[in-house]
Amino acid sequence: MTTWEYLTTPLLIHNTAAILNNWGKQGWELVQVIQGPEGGLVAYFKRPVSEAGSANAGLAAAAEASRQFDGGAA
């Protein structure tokens, strides 16, 4: 049985393709884009969790995305 991890991230209208391509290169599959509670777009992604991978890989990816979104260094 496949186990999935999930990620959500805001989509900036002026940079949508770059954001989606960045997550796709990291193995994330776009599931859905919806309007967020504050009016912006939010993308929902999923990817299978490998047996060798960490169950917290999604948390690490979200932390990295937060740093990028806030303009911080990786």
PDB file of N, CA and C in Angstrom:
ATOM      1  N   MET A   1       0.837  -1.176   0.000  1.00  0.00           N
ATOM      2  CA  MET A   1       0.000   0.000   0.000  1.00  0.00           C
ATOM      3  C   MET A   1       0.887   1.247   0.000  1.00  0.00           C
ATOM      4  N   THR A   2       0.579   2.198  -0.855  1.00  0.00           N
ATOM      5  CA  THR A   2       1.348   3.431  -0.927  1.00  0.00           C
ATOM      6  C   THR A   2       0.971   4.352   0.218  1.00  0.00           C
ATOM      7  N   THR A   3       1.985   4.901   0.860  1.00  0.00           N
ATOM      8  CA  THR A   3       1.790   5.905   1.899  1.00  0.00           C
ATOM      9  C   THR A   3       2.178   7.248   1.314  1.00  0.00           C
ATOM     10  N   TRP A   4       1.363   8.270   1.566  1.00  0.00           N
ATOM     11  CA  TRP A   4       1.567   9.581   0.972  1.00  0.00           C
ATOM     12  C   TRP A   4       1.938  10.614   2.024  1.00  0.00           C
ATOM     13  N   GLU A   5       2.685  11.610   1.586  1.00  0.00           N
ATOM     14  CA  GLU A   5       2.886  12.804   2.394  1.00  0.00           C
ATOM     15  C   GLU A   5       2.328  13.963   1.588  1.00  0.00           C
ATOM     16  N   TYR A   6       1.911  14.999   2.291  1.00  0.00           N
ATOM     17  CA  TYR A   6       1.219  16.111   1.655  1.00  0.00           C
ATOM     18  C   TYR A   6       1.876  17.436   2.001  1.00  0.00           C
ATOM     19  N   LEU A   7       1.676  18.406   1.120  1.00  0.00           N
ATOM     20  CA  LEU A   7       2.256  19.728   1.297  1.00  0.00           C
ATOM     21  C   LEU A   7       1.294  20.757   0.726  1.00  0.00           C
ATOM     22  N   THR A   8       1.151  21.876   1.407  1.00  0.00           N
ATOM     23  CA  THR A   8       0.396  22.997   0.855  1.00  0.00           C
ATOM     24  C   THR A   8       1.327  24.205   0.792  1.00  0.00           C
ATOM     25  N   THR A   9       1.127  25.031  -0.220  1.00  0.00           N
ATOM     26  CA  THR A   9       1.947  26.225  -0.370  1.00  0.00           C
ATOM     27  C   THR A   9       1.152  27.302  -1.091  1.00  0.00           C
ATOM     28  N   PRO A  10       1.364  28.561  -0.730  1.00  0.00           N
ATOM     29  CA  PRO A  10       0.688  29.634  -1.469  1.00  0.00           C
ATOM     30  C   PRO A  10       1.270  29.757  -2.875  1.00  0.00           C
ATOM     31  N   LEU A  11       0.437  30.151  -3.816  1.00  0.00           N
ATOM     32  CA  LEU A  11       0.888  30.399  -5.189  1.00  0.00           C
ATOM     33  C   LEU A  11       0.854  31.896  -5.455  1.00  0.00           C
ATOM     34  N   LEU A  12       1.982  32.430  -5.805  1.00  0.00           N
ATOM     35  CA  LEU A  12       2.064  33.839  -6.167  1.00  0.00           C
ATOM     36  C   LEU A  12       1.762  33.956  -7.652  1.00  0.00           C
ATOM     37  N   ILE A  13       0.783  34.745  -7.993  1.00  0.00           N
ATOM     38  CA  ILE A  13       0.309  34.837  -9.376  1.00  0.00           C
ATOM     39  C   ILE A  13       1.438  35.160 -10.349  1.00  0.00           C
ATOM     40  N   HIS A  14       2.356  36.023  -9.965  1.00  0.00           N
ATOM     41  CA  HIS A  14       3.426  36.424 -10.883  1.00  0.00           C
ATOM     42  C   HIS A  14       4.534  35.372 -11.009  1.00  0.00           C
ATOM     43  N   ASN A  15       4.466  34.299 -10.218  1.00  0.00           N
ATOM     44  CA  ASN A  15       5.542  33.299 -10.217  1.00  0.00           C
ATOM     45  C   ASN A  15       5.004  31.872 -10.158  1.00  0.00           C
ATOM     46  N   THR A  16       3.798  31.652 -10.625  1.00  0.00           N
ATOM     47  CA  THR A  16       3.131  30.361 -10.488  1.00  0.00           C
ATOM     48  C   THR A  16       3.915  29.216 -11.132  1.00  0.00           C
ATOM     49  N   ALA A  17       4.338  29.365 -12.362  1.00  0.00           N
ATOM     50  CA  ALA A  17       5.036  28.283 -13.066  1.00  0.00           C
ATOM     51  C   ALA A  17       6.321  27.897 -12.345  1.00  0.00           C
ATOM     52  N   ALA A  18       7.084  28.873 -11.895  1.00  0.00           N
ATOM     53  CA  ALA A  18       8.336  28.573 -11.197  1.00  0.00           C
ATOM     54  C   ALA A  18       8.075  27.825  -9.901  1.00  0.00           C
ATOM     55  N   ILE A  19       7.043  28.206  -9.179  1.00  0.00           N
ATOM     56  CA  ILE A  19       6.705  27.526  -7.922  1.00  0.00           C
ATOM     57  C   ILE A  19       6.311  26.078  -8.206  1.00  0.00           C
ATOM     58  N   LEU A  20       5.422  25.881  -9.175  1.00  0.00           N
ATOM     59  CA  LEU A  20       4.972  24.520  -9.503  1.00  0.00           C
ATOM     60  C   LEU A  20       6.123  23.669 -10.020  1.00  0.00           C
ATOM     61  N   ASN A  21       6.972  24.230 -10.871  1.00  0.00           N
ATOM     62  CA  ASN A  21       8.116  23.477 -11.393  1.00  0.00           C
ATOM     63  C   ASN A  21       9.094  23.105 -10.286  1.00  0.00           C
ATOM     64  N   ASN A  22       9.308  24.001  -9.351  1.00  0.00           N
ATOM     65  CA  ASN A  22      10.203  23.726  -8.228  1.00  0.00           C
ATOM     66  C   ASN A  22       9.726  22.517  -7.421  1.00  0.00           C
ATOM     67  N   TRP A  23       8.449  22.494  -7.083  1.00  0.00           N
ATOM     68  CA  TRP A  23       7.927  21.358  -6.316  1.00  0.00           C
ATOM     69  C   TRP A  23       7.911  20.082  -7.153  1.00  0.00           C
ATOM     70  N   GLY A  24       7.608  20.201  -8.453  1.00  0.00           N
ATOM     71  CA  GLY A  24       7.616  19.027  -9.327  1.00  0.00           C
ATOM     72  C   GLY A  24       8.990  18.395  -9.413  1.00  0.00           C
ATOM     73  N   LYS A  25      10.041  19.207  -9.456  1.00  0.00           N
ATOM     74  CA  LYS A  25      11.412  18.684  -9.495  1.00  0.00           C
ATOM     75  C   LYS A  25      11.763  17.930  -8.223  1.00  0.00           C
ATOM     76  N   GLN A  26      11.079  18.241  -7.136  1.00  0.00           N
ATOM     77  CA  GLN A  26      11.335  17.567  -5.865  1.00  0.00           C
ATOM     78  C   GLN A  26      10.432  16.348  -5.664  1.00  0.00           C
ATOM     79  N   GLY A  27       9.682  15.999  -6.726  1.00  0.00           N
ATOM     80  CA  GLY A  27       8.872  14.791  -6.676  1.00  0.00           C
ATOM     81  C   GLY A  27       7.437  14.993  -6.212  1.00  0.00           C
ATOM     82  N   TRP A  28       7.023  16.249  -6.034  1.00  0.00           N
ATOM     83  CA  TRP A  28       5.662  16.532  -5.581  1.00  0.00           C
ATOM     84  C   TRP A  28       4.731  16.609  -6.777  1.00  0.00           C
ATOM     85  N   GLU A  29       3.552  15.997  -6.648  1.00  0.00           N
ATOM     86  CA  GLU A  29       2.526  16.018  -7.691  1.00  0.00           C
ATOM     87  C   GLU A  29       1.413  16.977  -7.259  1.00  0.00           C
ATOM     88  N   LEU A  30       1.065  17.919  -8.141  1.00  0.00           N
ATOM     89  CA  LEU A  30      -0.009  18.855  -7.851  1.00  0.00           C
ATOM     90  C   LEU A  30      -1.337  18.103  -7.826  1.00  0.00           C
ATOM     91  N   VAL A  31      -2.080  18.280  -6.742  1.00  0.00           N
ATOM     92  CA  VAL A  31      -3.379  17.624  -6.595  1.00  0.00           C
ATOM     93  C   VAL A  31      -4.506  18.601  -6.891  1.00  0.00           C
ATOM     94  N   GLN A  32      -4.386  19.814  -6.342  1.00  0.00           N
ATOM     95  CA  GLN A  32      -5.475  20.771  -6.483  1.00  0.00           C
ATOM     96  C   GLN A  32      -4.976  22.174  -6.173  1.00  0.00           C
ATOM     97  N   VAL A  33      -5.608  23.158  -6.783  1.00  0.00           N
ATOM     98  CA  VAL A  33      -5.375  24.564  -6.454  1.00  0.00           C
ATOM     99  C   VAL A  33      -6.732  25.143  -6.075  1.00  0.00           C
ATOM    100  N   ILE A  34      -6.789  25.772  -4.894  1.00  0.00           N
ATOM    101  CA  ILE A  34      -8.037  26.387  -4.448  1.00  0.00           C
ATOM    102  C   ILE A  34      -7.757  27.790  -3.935  1.00  0.00           C
ATOM    103  N   GLN A  35      -8.810  28.540  -3.787  1.00  0.00           N
ATOM    104  CA  GLN A  35      -8.677  29.871  -3.200  1.00  0.00           C
ATOM    105  C   GLN A  35      -8.559  29.705  -1.691  1.00  0.00           C
ATOM    106  N   GLY A  36      -7.542  30.337  -1.123  1.00  0.00           N
ATOM    107  CA  GLY A  36      -7.309  30.257   0.311  1.00  0.00           C
ATOM    108  C   GLY A  36      -8.275  31.130   1.082  1.00  0.00           C
ATOM    109  N   PRO A  37      -8.260  31.003   2.409  1.00  0.00           N
ATOM    110  CA  PRO A  37      -9.199  31.753   3.241  1.00  0.00           C
ATOM    111  C   PRO A  37      -9.001  33.267   3.181  1.00  0.00           C
ATOM    112  N   GLU A  38      -7.818  33.703   2.789  1.00  0.00           N
ATOM    113  CA  GLU A  38      -7.547  35.139   2.704  1.00  0.00           C
ATOM    114  C   GLU A  38      -7.550  35.639   1.261  1.00  0.00           C
ATOM    115  N   GLY A  39      -8.024  34.807   0.336  1.00  0.00           N
ATOM    116  CA  GLY A  39      -8.200  35.228  -1.042  1.00  0.00           C
ATOM    117  C   GLY A  39      -7.136  34.797  -2.020  1.00  0.00           C
ATOM    118  N   GLY A  40      -5.945  34.421  -1.574  1.00  0.00           N
ATOM    119  CA  GLY A  40      -4.896  33.975  -2.479  1.00  0.00           C
ATOM    120  C   GLY A  40      -5.105  32.527  -2.883  1.00  0.00           C
ATOM    121  N   LEU A  41      -4.298  32.066  -3.822  1.00  0.00           N
ATOM    122  CA  LEU A  41      -4.367  30.677  -4.257  1.00  0.00           C
ATOM    123  C   LEU A  41      -3.452  29.808  -3.402  1.00  0.00           C
ATOM    124  N   VAL A  42      -3.924  28.596  -3.119  1.00  0.00           N
ATOM    125  CA  VAL A  42      -3.150  27.626  -2.352  1.00  0.00           C
ATOM    126  C   VAL A  42      -3.064  26.345  -3.168  1.00  0.00           C
ATOM    127  N   ALA A  43      -1.842  25.821  -3.320  1.00  0.00           N
ATOM    128  CA  ALA A  43      -1.625  24.570  -4.049  1.00  0.00           C
ATOM    129  C   ALA A  43      -1.465  23.425  -3.062  1.00  0.00           C
ATOM    130  N   TYR A  44      -2.098  22.293  -3.374  1.00  0.00           N
ATOM    131  CA  TYR A  44      -1.988  21.078  -2.573  1.00  0.00           C
ATOM    132  C   TYR A  44      -1.210  20.056  -3.385  1.00  0.00           C
ATOM    133  N   PHE A  45      -0.175  19.490  -2.790  1.00  0.00           N
ATOM    134  CA  PHE A  45       0.689  18.512  -3.442  1.00  0.00           C
ATOM    135  C   PHE A  45       0.719  17.223  -2.639  1.00  0.00           C
ATOM    136  N   LYS A  46       1.100  16.139  -3.323  1.00  0.00           N
ATOM    137  CA  LYS A  46       1.336  14.864  -2.640  1.00  0.00           C
ATOM    138  C   LYS A  46       2.510  14.175  -3.311  1.00  0.00           C
ATOM    139  N   ARG A  47       3.155  13.282  -2.565  1.00  0.00           N
ATOM    140  CA  ARG A  47       4.167  12.399  -3.139  1.00  0.00           C
ATOM    141  C   ARG A  47       4.245  11.162  -2.263  1.00  0.00           C
ATOM    142  N   PRO A  48       4.611  10.034  -2.862  1.00  0.00           N
ATOM    143  CA  PRO A  48       4.720   8.814  -2.070  1.00  0.00           C
ATOM    144  C   PRO A  48       5.896   8.899  -1.102  1.00  0.00           C
ATOM    145  N   VAL A  49       5.711   8.317   0.059  1.00  0.00           N
ATOM    146  CA  VAL A  49       6.786   8.241   1.043  1.00  0.00           C
ATOM    147  C   VAL A  49       7.555   6.963   0.757  1.00  0.00           C
ATOM    148  N   SER A  50       8.849   7.093   0.514  1.00  0.00           N
ATOM    149  CA  SER A  50       9.657   5.898   0.273  1.00  0.00           C
ATOM    150  C   SER A  50       9.979   5.241   1.604  1.00  0.00           C
ATOM    151  N   GLU A  51      10.188   3.949   1.572  1.00  0.00           N
ATOM    152  CA  GLU A  51      10.530   3.229   2.804  1.00  0.00           C
ATOM    153  C   GLU A  51      11.844   3.727   3.365  1.00  0.00           C
ATOM    154  N   ALA A  52      12.760   4.122   2.484  1.00  0.00           N
ATOM    155  CA  ALA A  52      14.056   4.614   2.935  1.00  0.00           C
ATOM    156  C   ALA A  52      13.971   6.062   3.410  1.00  0.00           C
ATOM    157  N   GLY A  53      12.911   6.774   2.964  1.00  0.00           N
ATOM    158  CA  GLY A  53      12.771   8.184   3.306  1.00  0.00           C
ATOM    159  C   GLY A  53      12.220   8.392   4.701  1.00  0.00           C
ATOM    160  N   SER A  54      12.368   9.580   5.153  1.00  0.00           N
ATOM    161  CA  SER A  54      11.874   9.948   6.477  1.00  0.00           C
ATOM    162  C   SER A  54      10.404  10.310   6.408  1.00  0.00           C
ATOM    163  N   ALA A  55       9.675   9.958   7.435  1.00  0.00           N
ATOM    164  CA  ALA A  55       8.270  10.338   7.509  1.00  0.00           C
ATOM    165  C   ALA A  55       8.133  11.842   7.690  1.00  0.00           C
ATOM    166  N   ASN A  56       9.219  12.503   8.073  1.00  0.00           N
ATOM    167  CA  ASN A  56       9.185  13.952   8.274  1.00  0.00           C
ATOM    168  C   ASN A  56       9.731  14.721   7.085  1.00  0.00           C
ATOM    169  N   ALA A  57       9.906  14.074   5.945  1.00  0.00           N
ATOM    170  CA  ALA A  57      10.447  14.749   4.769  1.00  0.00           C
ATOM    171  C   ALA A  57       9.536  15.892   4.341  1.00  0.00           C
ATOM    172  N   GLY A  58       8.231  15.722   4.466  1.00  0.00           N
ATOM    173  CA  GLY A  58       7.293  16.776   4.114  1.00  0.00           C
ATOM    174  C   GLY A  58       7.456  17.991   4.996  1.00  0.00           C
ATOM    175  N   LEU A  59       7.757  17.765   6.269  1.00  0.00           N
ATOM    176  CA  LEU A  59       7.985  18.883   7.179  1.00  0.00           C
ATOM    177  C   LEU A  59       9.237  19.648   6.794  1.00  0.00           C
ATOM    178  N   ALA A  60      10.270  18.938   6.412  1.00  0.00           N
ATOM    179  CA  ALA A  60      11.508  19.591   5.982  1.00  0.00           C
ATOM    180  C   ALA A  60      11.264  20.393   4.711  1.00  0.00           C
ATOM    181  N   ALA A  61      10.486  19.841   3.785  1.00  0.00           N
ATOM    182  CA  ALA A  61      10.176  20.549   2.540  1.00  0.00           C
ATOM    183  C   ALA A  61       9.349  21.795   2.829  1.00  0.00           C
ATOM    184  N   ALA A  62       8.409  21.694   3.746  1.00  0.00           N
ATOM    185  CA  ALA A  62       7.589  22.852   4.100  1.00  0.00           C
ATOM    186  C   ALA A  62       8.435  23.940   4.751  1.00  0.00           C
ATOM    187  N   ALA A  63       9.381  23.549   5.586  1.00  0.00           N
ATOM    188  CA  ALA A  63      10.269  24.519   6.224  1.00  0.00           C
ATOM    189  C   ALA A  63      11.122  25.233   5.174  1.00  0.00           C
ATOM    190  N   GLU A  64      11.610  24.480   4.201  1.00  0.00           N
ATOM    191  CA  GLU A  64      12.407  25.075   3.124  1.00  0.00           C
ATOM    192  C   GLU A  64      11.551  26.035   2.306  1.00  0.00           C
ATOM    193  N   ALA A  65      10.322  25.650   2.010  1.00  0.00           N
ATOM    194  CA  ALA A  65       9.422  26.510   1.247  1.00  0.00           C
ATOM    195  C   ALA A  65       9.143  27.800   2.016  1.00  0.00           C
ATOM    196  N   SER A  66       8.981  27.668   3.302  1.00  0.00           N
ATOM    197  CA  SER A  66       8.745  28.860   4.131  1.00  0.00           C
ATOM    198  C   SER A  66       9.922  29.804   4.074  1.00  0.00           C
ATOM    199  N   ARG A  67      11.130  29.267   4.131  1.00  0.00           N
ATOM    200  CA  ARG A  67      12.329  30.114   4.034  1.00  0.00           C
ATOM    201  C   ARG A  67      12.382  30.806   2.686  1.00  0.00           C
ATOM    202  N   GLN A  68      12.078  30.089   1.615  1.00  0.00           N
ATOM    203  CA  GLN A  68      12.099  30.671   0.277  1.00  0.00           C
ATOM    204  C   GLN A  68      11.017  31.732   0.137  1.00  0.00           C
ATOM    205  N   PHE A  69       9.839  31.438   0.656  1.00  0.00           N
ATOM    206  CA  PHE A  69       8.712  32.363   0.540  1.00  0.00           C
ATOM    207  C   PHE A  69       8.981  33.643   1.322  1.00  0.00           C
ATOM    208  N   ASP A  70       9.620  33.506   2.478  1.00  0.00           N
ATOM    209  CA  ASP A  70       9.918  34.669   3.318  1.00  0.00           C
ATOM    210  C   ASP A  70      11.174  35.403   2.865  1.00  0.00           C
ATOM    211  N   GLY A  71      11.857  34.865   1.852  1.00  0.00           N
ATOM    212  CA  GLY A  71      13.057  35.516   1.333  1.00  0.00           C
ATOM    213  C   GLY A  71      14.307  35.189   2.094  1.00  0.00           C
ATOM    214  N   GLY A  72      14.255  34.166   2.962  1.00  0.00           N
ATOM    215  CA  GLY A  72      15.428  33.771   3.742  1.00  0.00           C
ATOM    216  C   GLY A  72      16.349  32.873   2.968  1.00  0.00           C
ATOM    217  N   ALA A  73      17.537  32.680   3.487  1.00  0.00           N
ATOM    218  CA  ALA A  73      18.516  31.793   2.851  1.00  0.00           C
ATOM    219  C   ALA A  73      18.210  30.355   3.201  1.00  0.00           C
ATOM    220  N   ALA A  74      18.597  29.454   2.321  1.00  0.00           N
ATOM    221  CA  ALA A  74      18.383  28.033   2.534  1.00  0.00           C
ATOM    222  C   ALA A  74      19.411  27.471   3.478  1.00  0.00           C
TER     223      ALA A  74
END
